[in-house]
Amino acid sequence: MQFRDLTDKVAVVTGASSGIGEATAKALSAEGVNVVLVARNRERIEALASEIGERAIAIPTDVGNEDEVAALFNEVKKRFGGLDLLFNNAGVGYNGPFEDSKRDEWKKTIDANLYGVLYCTQEAIPLMRGREGAMINTVSSVGGRYGVPGWSVYCATKFAVVGFHDTLRKEIGGEGIRVSLIEPGAVYTNWGHNVTEDAMKKRRDDVEALHAEDIANALVYAFAQPGHVNPQELLIMPTKQVSP
């Protein structure tokens, strides 16, 4: 099977401090991509950059802060002159009955899962024009297709992300910029705010959940397709997960 050569492409990976973001940064760099590691945790992304080597730089950023995001993409432009891949992966989730939920948790979820995507995407688009096979790819969720009890605000942000990408694809696809989504089911990561570790582990064990590397491989597969090919939505589920 033939894939596009990704050597010296430039990628911004948000949420790169752990889980899917970390695995994706490693997978991309192994293909010769220059990766910009983005997360709030400076120590973790700097350690990852050291592990990856010369193909990686770390830029600590809160994607929910528009000024920090603007500074991030200004630095990308300064260092690389453009951008080939934006991987919007940063996100949080809050679990519990909506009636009992806390409004400050709504804001944290919306800022990371929706505003972070909007800020990063708007800043990325001008850096992608004229670059063959450029792609905006965002991690949504099966929760962006089906409502999951206890995850109301989280699902609302993911439904919004799906709608945003469907519209954006129609706006900029004609310029050759691909807009794509990865929608995972259960994944073994440290994600799952407000859910006990034991409860989350049991849920994942029961369905033999995906691993972060599975999602990283899907992203590389999508990005490495020829520029005229856009895998618009990749719904990736554990075989044993038969419902959201």
C-alpha atoms as a PDB file:
ATOM      1  CA  MET A   1       0.000   0.000   0.000  1.00  0.00           C
ATOM      2  CA  GLN A   2       1.398   3.371  -1.032  1.00  0.00           C
ATOM      3  CA  PHE A   3       1.114   6.445   1.170  1.00  0.00           C
ATOM      4  CA  ARG A   4       2.183  10.044   0.684  1.00  0.00           C
ATOM      5  CA  ASP A   5       5.709  10.886   1.836  1.00  0.00           C
ATOM      6  CA  LEU A   6       5.361  12.983   4.988  1.00  0.00           C
ATOM      7  CA  THR A   7       9.022  13.905   5.391  1.00  0.00           C
ATOM      8  CA  ASP A   8       9.490  17.506   6.566  1.00  0.00           C
ATOM      9  CA  LYS A   9       5.757  18.214   6.831  1.00  0.00           C
ATOM     10  CA  VAL A  10       4.801  20.385   9.814  1.00  0.00           C
ATOM     11  CA  ALA A  11       2.166  19.378  12.358  1.00  0.00           C
ATOM     12  CA  VAL A  12       0.700  21.033  15.426  1.00  0.00           C
ATOM     13  CA  VAL A  13      -0.525  18.457  17.955  1.00  0.00           C
ATOM     14  CA  THR A  14      -2.619  19.765  20.836  1.00  0.00           C
ATOM     15  CA  GLY A  15      -3.104  17.794  24.023  1.00  0.00           C
ATOM     16  CA  ALA A  16       0.361  16.358  23.402  1.00  0.00           C
ATOM     17  CA  SER A  17       1.308  15.833  27.038  1.00  0.00           C
ATOM     18  CA  SER A  18      -0.180  12.330  27.261  1.00  0.00           C
ATOM     19  CA  GLY A  19      -2.490   9.749  25.701  1.00  0.00           C
ATOM     20  CA  ILE A  20      -3.590  10.177  22.102  1.00  0.00           C
ATOM     21  CA  GLY A  21      -1.636  13.400  21.592  1.00  0.00           C
ATOM     22  CA  GLU A  22       1.618  11.910  22.826  1.00  0.00           C
ATOM     23  CA  ALA A  23       1.169   8.744  20.761  1.00  0.00           C
ATOM     24  CA  THR A  24       0.316  10.772  17.653  1.00  0.00           C
ATOM     25  CA  ALA A  25       3.331  13.029  18.025  1.00  0.00           C
ATOM     26  CA  LYS A  26       5.575   9.971  18.183  1.00  0.00           C
ATOM     27  CA  ALA A  27       3.865   8.344  15.192  1.00  0.00           C
ATOM     28  CA  LEU A  28       4.135  11.485  13.067  1.00  0.00           C
ATOM     29  CA  SER A  29       7.775  12.114  13.935  1.00  0.00           C
ATOM     30  CA  ALA A  30       8.559   8.509  13.004  1.00  0.00           C
ATOM     31  CA  GLU A  31       7.267   9.397   9.518  1.00  0.00           C
ATOM     32  CA  GLY A  32       9.607  12.381   9.300  1.00  0.00           C
ATOM     33  CA  VAL A  33       7.085  15.050  10.317  1.00  0.00           C
ATOM     34  CA  ASN A  34       8.205  18.075  12.332  1.00  0.00           C
ATOM     35  CA  VAL A  35       5.845  18.158  15.310  1.00  0.00           C
ATOM     36  CA  VAL A  36       4.900  21.114  17.474  1.00  0.00           C
ATOM     37  CA  LEU A  37       3.865  19.756  20.864  1.00  0.00           C
ATOM     38  CA  VAL A  38       1.127  21.785  22.522  1.00  0.00           C
ATOM     39  CA  ALA A  39      -0.315  21.411  26.028  1.00  0.00           C
ATOM     40  CA  ARG A  40      -0.529  23.359  29.268  1.00  0.00           C
ATOM     41  CA  ASN A  41       1.938  21.059  31.029  1.00  0.00           C
ATOM     42  CA  ARG A  42       5.366  22.438  30.083  1.00  0.00           C
ATOM     43  CA  GLU A  43       7.331  19.723  31.856  1.00  0.00           C
ATOM     44  CA  ARG A  44       5.617  16.857  30.043  1.00  0.00           C
ATOM     45  CA  ILE A  45       5.811  18.245  26.521  1.00  0.00           C
ATOM     46  CA  GLU A  46       9.417  19.341  26.964  1.00  0.00           C
ATOM     47  CA  ALA A  47      10.263  15.817  28.126  1.00  0.00           C
ATOM     48  CA  LEU A  48       8.472  14.400  25.086  1.00  0.00           C
ATOM     49  CA  ALA A  49      10.305  16.797  22.775  1.00  0.00           C
ATOM     50  CA  SER A  50      13.608  15.597  24.243  1.00  0.00           C
ATOM     51  CA  GLU A  51      12.557  11.987  23.704  1.00  0.00           C
ATOM     52  CA  ILE A  52      11.538  12.564  20.084  1.00  0.00           C
ATOM     53  CA  GLY A  53      14.584  14.640  19.267  1.00  0.00           C
ATOM     54  CA  GLU A  54      15.176  17.235  16.566  1.00  0.00           C
ATOM     55  CA  ARG A  55      11.796  16.633  14.925  1.00  0.00           C
ATOM     56  CA  ALA A  56       9.905  18.095  17.912  1.00  0.00           C
ATOM     57  CA  ILE A  57       9.518  21.418  19.676  1.00  0.00           C
ATOM     58  CA  ALA A  58       7.368  22.141  22.731  1.00  0.00           C
ATOM     59  CA  ILE A  59       5.229  25.270  23.013  1.00  0.00           C
ATOM     60  CA  PRO A  60       3.187  25.330  26.250  1.00  0.00           C
ATOM     61  CA  THR A  61      -0.271  26.707  25.436  1.00  0.00           C
ATOM     62  CA  ASP A  62      -3.762  26.749  26.899  1.00  0.00           C
ATOM     63  CA  VAL A  63      -5.882  26.247  23.775  1.00  0.00           C
ATOM     64  CA  GLY A  64      -8.859  27.810  25.560  1.00  0.00           C
ATOM     65  CA  ASN A  65      -6.957  31.114  25.729  1.00  0.00           C
ATOM     66  CA  GLU A  66      -7.153  32.966  22.410  1.00  0.00           C
ATOM     67  CA  ASP A  67      -4.089  35.123  23.072  1.00  0.00           C
ATOM     68  CA  GLU A  68      -1.935  32.099  23.825  1.00  0.00           C
ATOM     69  CA  VAL A  69      -3.228  30.364  20.704  1.00  0.00           C
ATOM     70  CA  ALA A  70      -2.392  33.400  18.556  1.00  0.00           C
ATOM     71  CA  ALA A  71       1.122  33.420  19.990  1.00  0.00           C
ATOM     72  CA  LEU A  72       1.474  29.699  19.278  1.00  0.00           C
ATOM     73  CA  PHE A  73       0.656  30.031  15.585  1.00  0.00           C
ATOM     74  CA  ASN A  74       2.775  33.142  15.208  1.00  0.00           C
ATOM     75  CA  GLU A  75       5.688  31.062  16.452  1.00  0.00           C
ATOM     76  CA  VAL A  76       4.834  28.244  14.035  1.00  0.00           C
ATOM     77  CA  LYS A  77       4.820  30.730  11.141  1.00  0.00           C
ATOM     78  CA  LYS A  78       8.114  32.224  12.283  1.00  0.00           C
ATOM     79  CA  ARG A  79       9.865  28.858  12.589  1.00  0.00           C
ATOM     80  CA  PHE A  80       8.386  26.909   9.697  1.00  0.00           C
ATOM     81  CA  GLY A  81       6.678  29.383   7.374  1.00  0.00           C
ATOM     82  CA  GLY A  82       3.510  27.316   7.180  1.00  0.00           C
ATOM     83  CA  LEU A  83       1.578  24.337   8.471  1.00  0.00           C
ATOM     84  CA  ASP A  84       0.499  21.008   6.962  1.00  0.00           C
ATOM     85  CA  LEU A  85      -1.493  19.405   9.779  1.00  0.00           C
ATOM     86  CA  LEU A  86      -3.461  20.679  12.727  1.00  0.00           C
ATOM     87  CA  PHE A  87      -4.419  17.840  15.049  1.00  0.00           C
ATOM     88  CA  ASN A  88      -6.986  19.223  17.484  1.00  0.00           C
ATOM     89  CA  ASN A  89      -6.769  16.653  20.255  1.00  0.00           C
ATOM     90  CA  ALA A  90      -6.895  18.642  23.502  1.00  0.00           C
ATOM     91  CA  GLY A  91     -10.104  18.123  25.461  1.00  0.00           C
ATOM     92  CA  VAL A  92     -11.719  17.393  28.789  1.00  0.00           C
ATOM     93  CA  GLY A  93     -14.843  15.609  29.934  1.00  0.00           C
ATOM     94  CA  TYR A  94     -17.108  16.015  32.941  1.00  0.00           C
ATOM     95  CA  ASN A  95     -19.348  13.160  34.038  1.00  0.00           C
ATOM     96  CA  GLY A  96     -22.520  13.267  36.105  1.00  0.00           C
ATOM     97  CA  PRO A  97     -26.254  14.041  35.918  1.00  0.00           C
ATOM     98  CA  PHE A  98     -26.788  17.389  34.228  1.00  0.00           C
ATOM     99  CA  GLU A  99     -29.106  18.644  36.993  1.00  0.00           C
ATOM    100  CA  ASP A 100     -26.284  18.279  39.506  1.00  0.00           C
ATOM    101  CA  SER A 101     -23.500  19.509  37.258  1.00  0.00           C
ATOM    102  CA  LYS A 102     -21.394  22.552  38.081  1.00  0.00           C
ATOM    103  CA  ARG A 103     -21.355  25.537  35.773  1.00  0.00           C
ATOM    104  CA  ASP A 104     -17.633  26.121  36.144  1.00  0.00           C
ATOM    105  CA  GLU A 105     -17.139  22.588  34.805  1.00  0.00           C
ATOM    106  CA  TRP A 106     -19.363  23.431  31.813  1.00  0.00           C
ATOM    107  CA  LYS A 107     -17.040  26.314  31.010  1.00  0.00           C
ATOM    108  CA  LYS A 108     -13.874  24.227  31.309  1.00  0.00           C
ATOM    109  CA  THR A 109     -15.359  21.612  28.997  1.00  0.00           C
ATOM    110  CA  ILE A 110     -16.610  24.122  26.430  1.00  0.00           C
ATOM    111  CA  ASP A 111     -13.360  26.131  26.492  1.00  0.00           C
ATOM    112  CA  ALA A 112     -11.185  23.080  25.816  1.00  0.00           C
ATOM    113  CA  ASN A 113     -13.431  21.022  23.552  1.00  0.00           C
ATOM    114  CA  LEU A 114     -15.016  23.751  21.452  1.00  0.00           C
ATOM    115  CA  TYR A 115     -13.315  27.123  21.809  1.00  0.00           C
ATOM    116  CA  GLY A 116      -9.895  25.457  21.689  1.00  0.00           C
ATOM    117  CA  VAL A 117     -10.809  23.878  18.352  1.00  0.00           C
ATOM    118  CA  LEU A 118     -12.214  27.149  17.007  1.00  0.00           C
ATOM    119  CA  TYR A 119      -9.247  29.264  18.070  1.00  0.00           C
ATOM    120  CA  CYS A 120      -6.633  26.830  16.739  1.00  0.00           C
ATOM    121  CA  THR A 121      -8.458  26.178  13.482  1.00  0.00           C
ATOM    122  CA  GLN A 122      -8.946  29.852  12.658  1.00  0.00           C
ATOM    123  CA  GLU A 123      -5.270  30.574  13.273  1.00  0.00           C
ATOM    124  CA  ALA A 124      -4.151  27.510  11.275  1.00  0.00           C
ATOM    125  CA  ILE A 125      -6.072  28.085   8.049  1.00  0.00           C
ATOM    126  CA  PRO A 126      -3.927  30.961   6.667  1.00  0.00           C
ATOM    127  CA  LEU A 127      -0.776  28.894   7.276  1.00  0.00           C
ATOM    128  CA  MET A 128      -2.153  25.980   5.230  1.00  0.00           C
ATOM    129  CA  ARG A 129      -3.036  27.679   1.975  1.00  0.00           C
ATOM    130  CA  GLY A 130      -0.993  26.440  -0.967  1.00  0.00           C
ATOM    131  CA  ARG A 131       0.407  23.418   0.901  1.00  0.00           C
ATOM    132  CA  GLU A 132      -0.388  20.117  -0.800  1.00  0.00           C
ATOM    133  CA  GLY A 133      -2.469  17.762   1.331  1.00  0.00           C
ATOM    134  CA  ALA A 134      -2.914  20.196   4.227  1.00  0.00           C
ATOM    135  CA  MET A 135      -5.345  18.847   6.805  1.00  0.00           C
ATOM    136  CA  ILE A 136      -7.295  19.953   9.858  1.00  0.00           C
ATOM    137  CA  ASN A 137      -8.107  16.840  11.865  1.00  0.00           C
ATOM    138  CA  THR A 138      -9.974  16.906  15.155  1.00  0.00           C
ATOM    139  CA  VAL A 139     -10.653  14.234  17.736  1.00  0.00           C
ATOM    140  CA  SER A 140     -14.376  14.215  18.317  1.00  0.00           C
ATOM    141  CA  SER A 141     -16.043  11.169  19.884  1.00  0.00           C
ATOM    142  CA  VAL A 142     -18.750   8.602  19.462  1.00  0.00           C
ATOM    143  CA  GLY A 143     -20.391  11.028  21.908  1.00  0.00           C
ATOM    144  CA  GLY A 144     -20.613  13.474  19.005  1.00  0.00           C
ATOM    145  CA  ARG A 145     -22.992  11.085  17.244  1.00  0.00           C
ATOM    146  CA  TYR A 146     -24.996   9.658  20.146  1.00  0.00           C
ATOM    147  CA  GLY A 147     -25.982  11.221  23.443  1.00  0.00           C
ATOM    148  CA  VAL A 148     -24.519   9.366  26.412  1.00  0.00           C
ATOM    149  CA  PRO A 149     -26.308   9.695  29.779  1.00  0.00           C
ATOM    150  CA  GLY A 150     -24.134  11.519  32.284  1.00  0.00           C
ATOM    151  CA  TRP A 151     -22.063  13.238  29.627  1.00  0.00           C
ATOM    152  CA  SER A 152     -24.495  15.922  28.477  1.00  0.00           C
ATOM    153  CA  VAL A 153     -22.209  18.947  28.209  1.00  0.00           C
ATOM    154  CA  TYR A 154     -19.342  16.874  26.844  1.00  0.00           C
ATOM    155  CA  CYS A 155     -21.606  15.409  24.157  1.00  0.00           C
ATOM    156  CA  ALA A 156     -22.940  18.886  23.361  1.00  0.00           C
ATOM    157  CA  THR A 157     -19.400  20.092  22.609  1.00  0.00           C
ATOM    158  CA  LYS A 158     -18.704  17.067  20.429  1.00  0.00           C
ATOM    159  CA  PHE A 159     -21.950  17.455  18.465  1.00  0.00           C
ATOM    160  CA  ALA A 160     -20.908  21.080  17.927  1.00  0.00           C
ATOM    161  CA  VAL A 161     -17.472  20.008  16.698  1.00  0.00           C
ATOM    162  CA  VAL A 162     -19.056  17.630  14.168  1.00  0.00           C
ATOM    163  CA  GLY A 163     -21.355  20.364  12.853  1.00  0.00           C
ATOM    164  CA  PHE A 164     -18.507  22.860  12.679  1.00  0.00           C
ATOM    165  CA  HIS A 165     -16.339  20.496  10.651  1.00  0.00           C
ATOM    166  CA  ASP A 166     -19.147  19.655   8.251  1.00  0.00           C
ATOM    167  CA  THR A 167     -19.591  23.367   7.532  1.00  0.00           C
ATOM    168  CA  LEU A 168     -15.888  24.213   7.440  1.00  0.00           C
ATOM    169  CA  ARG A 169     -15.254  21.391   4.976  1.00  0.00           C
ATOM    170  CA  LYS A 170     -17.680  23.046   2.580  1.00  0.00           C
ATOM    171  CA  GLU A 171     -16.053  26.445   3.053  1.00  0.00           C
ATOM    172  CA  ILE A 172     -12.406  25.557   2.455  1.00  0.00           C
ATOM    173  CA  GLY A 173     -12.418  22.201   0.684  1.00  0.00           C
ATOM    174  CA  GLY A 174     -12.326  23.984  -2.647  1.00  0.00           C
ATOM    175  CA  GLU A 175      -8.947  25.430  -1.663  1.00  0.00           C
ATOM    176  CA  GLY A 176      -7.529  21.941  -1.196  1.00  0.00           C
ATOM    177  CA  ILE A 177      -7.516  22.019   2.614  1.00  0.00           C
ATOM    178  CA  ARG A 178      -8.870  18.771   4.007  1.00  0.00           C
ATOM    179  CA  VAL A 179     -11.143  18.824   7.066  1.00  0.00           C
ATOM    180  CA  SER A 180     -11.424  15.526   8.875  1.00  0.00           C
ATOM    181  CA  LEU A 181     -12.684  13.975  12.113  1.00  0.00           C
ATOM    182  CA  ILE A 182     -11.645  10.981  14.186  1.00  0.00           C
ATOM    183  CA  GLU A 183     -14.444   9.748  16.435  1.00  0.00           C
ATOM    184  CA  PRO A 184     -13.159   7.160  18.912  1.00  0.00           C
ATOM    185  CA  GLY A 185     -15.141   4.917  21.171  1.00  0.00           C
ATOM    186  CA  ALA A 186     -13.589   3.738  24.437  1.00  0.00           C
ATOM    187  CA  VAL A 187      -9.832   4.351  24.617  1.00  0.00           C
ATOM    188  CA  TYR A 188      -7.318   3.521  27.339  1.00  0.00           C
ATOM    189  CA  THR A 189      -6.065   6.995  28.265  1.00  0.00           C
ATOM    190  CA  ASN A 190      -5.925   9.079  31.435  1.00  0.00           C
ATOM    191  CA  TRP A 191      -8.982  10.984  30.161  1.00  0.00           C
ATOM    192  CA  GLY A 192     -12.169  10.899  32.213  1.00  0.00           C
ATOM    193  CA  HIS A 193     -12.408  13.835  34.608  1.00  0.00           C
ATOM    194  CA  ASN A 194     -14.705  13.234  37.579  1.00  0.00           C
ATOM    195  CA  VAL A 195     -14.911   9.475  36.919  1.00  0.00           C
ATOM    196  CA  THR A 196     -13.095   7.211  39.344  1.00  0.00           C
ATOM    197  CA  GLU A 197     -10.105   5.381  37.948  1.00  0.00           C
ATOM    198  CA  ASP A 198     -11.552   1.980  38.850  1.00  0.00           C
ATOM    199  CA  ALA A 199     -14.912   2.730  37.230  1.00  0.00           C
ATOM    200  CA  MET A 200     -13.310   3.984  34.027  1.00  0.00           C
ATOM    201  CA  LYS A 201     -10.936   1.017  33.883  1.00  0.00           C
ATOM    202  CA  LYS A 202     -13.832  -1.431  34.247  1.00  0.00           C
ATOM    203  CA  ARG A 203     -15.744   0.244  31.415  1.00  0.00           C
ATOM    204  CA  ARG A 204     -12.725  -0.025  29.165  1.00  0.00           C
ATOM    205  CA  ASP A 205     -11.792  -3.553  30.183  1.00  0.00           C
ATOM    206  CA  ASP A 206     -15.322  -4.752  29.490  1.00  0.00           C
ATOM    207  CA  VAL A 207     -15.077  -3.752  25.825  1.00  0.00           C
ATOM    208  CA  GLU A 208     -11.330  -4.305  25.325  1.00  0.00           C
ATOM    209  CA  ALA A 209     -10.877  -0.604  24.668  1.00  0.00           C
ATOM    210  CA  LEU A 210      -8.686   0.950  22.030  1.00  0.00           C
ATOM    211  CA  HIS A 211      -5.210   2.227  22.833  1.00  0.00           C
ATOM    212  CA  ALA A 212      -3.839   5.685  22.109  1.00  0.00           C
ATOM    213  CA  GLU A 213      -1.613   4.194  19.410  1.00  0.00           C
ATOM    214  CA  ASP A 214      -4.697   2.934  17.541  1.00  0.00           C
ATOM    215  CA  ILE A 215      -5.956   6.493  17.162  1.00  0.00           C
ATOM    216  CA  ALA A 216      -2.474   7.752  16.270  1.00  0.00           C
ATOM    217  CA  ASN A 217      -2.285   5.164  13.487  1.00  0.00           C
ATOM    218  CA  ALA A 218      -5.675   6.304  12.175  1.00  0.00           C
ATOM    219  CA  LEU A 219      -4.496   9.906  12.066  1.00  0.00           C
ATOM    220  CA  VAL A 220      -1.320   9.011  10.178  1.00  0.00           C
ATOM    221  CA  TYR A 221      -3.401   6.912   7.754  1.00  0.00           C
ATOM    222  CA  ALA A 222      -5.728   9.855   7.063  1.00  0.00           C
ATOM    223  CA  PHE A 223      -2.978  12.448   6.720  1.00  0.00           C
ATOM    224  CA  ALA A 224      -0.830  10.246   4.475  1.00  0.00           C
ATOM    225  CA  GLN A 225      -3.555   9.875   1.863  1.00  0.00           C
ATOM    226  CA  PRO A 226      -2.990  11.791  -1.384  1.00  0.00           C
ATOM    227  CA  GLY A 227      -4.016  15.419  -1.204  1.00  0.00           C
ATOM    228  CA  HIS A 228      -7.127  14.827  -3.303  1.00  0.00           C
ATOM    229  CA  VAL A 229      -8.359  12.167  -0.845  1.00  0.00           C
ATOM    230  CA  ASN A 230     -10.112  13.301   2.334  1.00  0.00           C
ATOM    231  CA  PRO A 231     -11.129  10.663   4.905  1.00  0.00           C
ATOM    232  CA  GLN A 232     -13.844  12.938   6.258  1.00  0.00           C
ATOM    233  CA  GLU A 233     -14.912  10.907   9.284  1.00  0.00           C
ATOM    234  CA  LEU A 234     -13.260   7.923  10.923  1.00  0.00           C
ATOM    235  CA  LEU A 235     -15.529   6.302  13.529  1.00  0.00           C
ATOM    236  CA  ILE A 236     -13.241   3.906  15.384  1.00  0.00           C
ATOM    237  CA  MET A 237     -14.746   1.554  17.944  1.00  0.00           C
ATOM    238  CA  PRO A 238     -13.505  -1.400  19.942  1.00  0.00           C
ATOM    239  CA  THR A 239     -14.976  -4.512  18.366  1.00  0.00           C
ATOM    240  CA  LYS A 240     -16.784  -5.383  21.594  1.00  0.00           C
ATOM    241  CA  GLN A 241     -18.245  -1.895  22.084  1.00  0.00           C
ATOM    242  CA  VAL A 242     -21.607  -2.295  20.410  1.00  0.00           C
ATOM    243  CA  SER A 243     -23.201   0.867  21.824  1.00  0.00           C
ATOM    244  CA  PRO A 244     -21.893   4.270  22.929  1.00  0.00           C
END
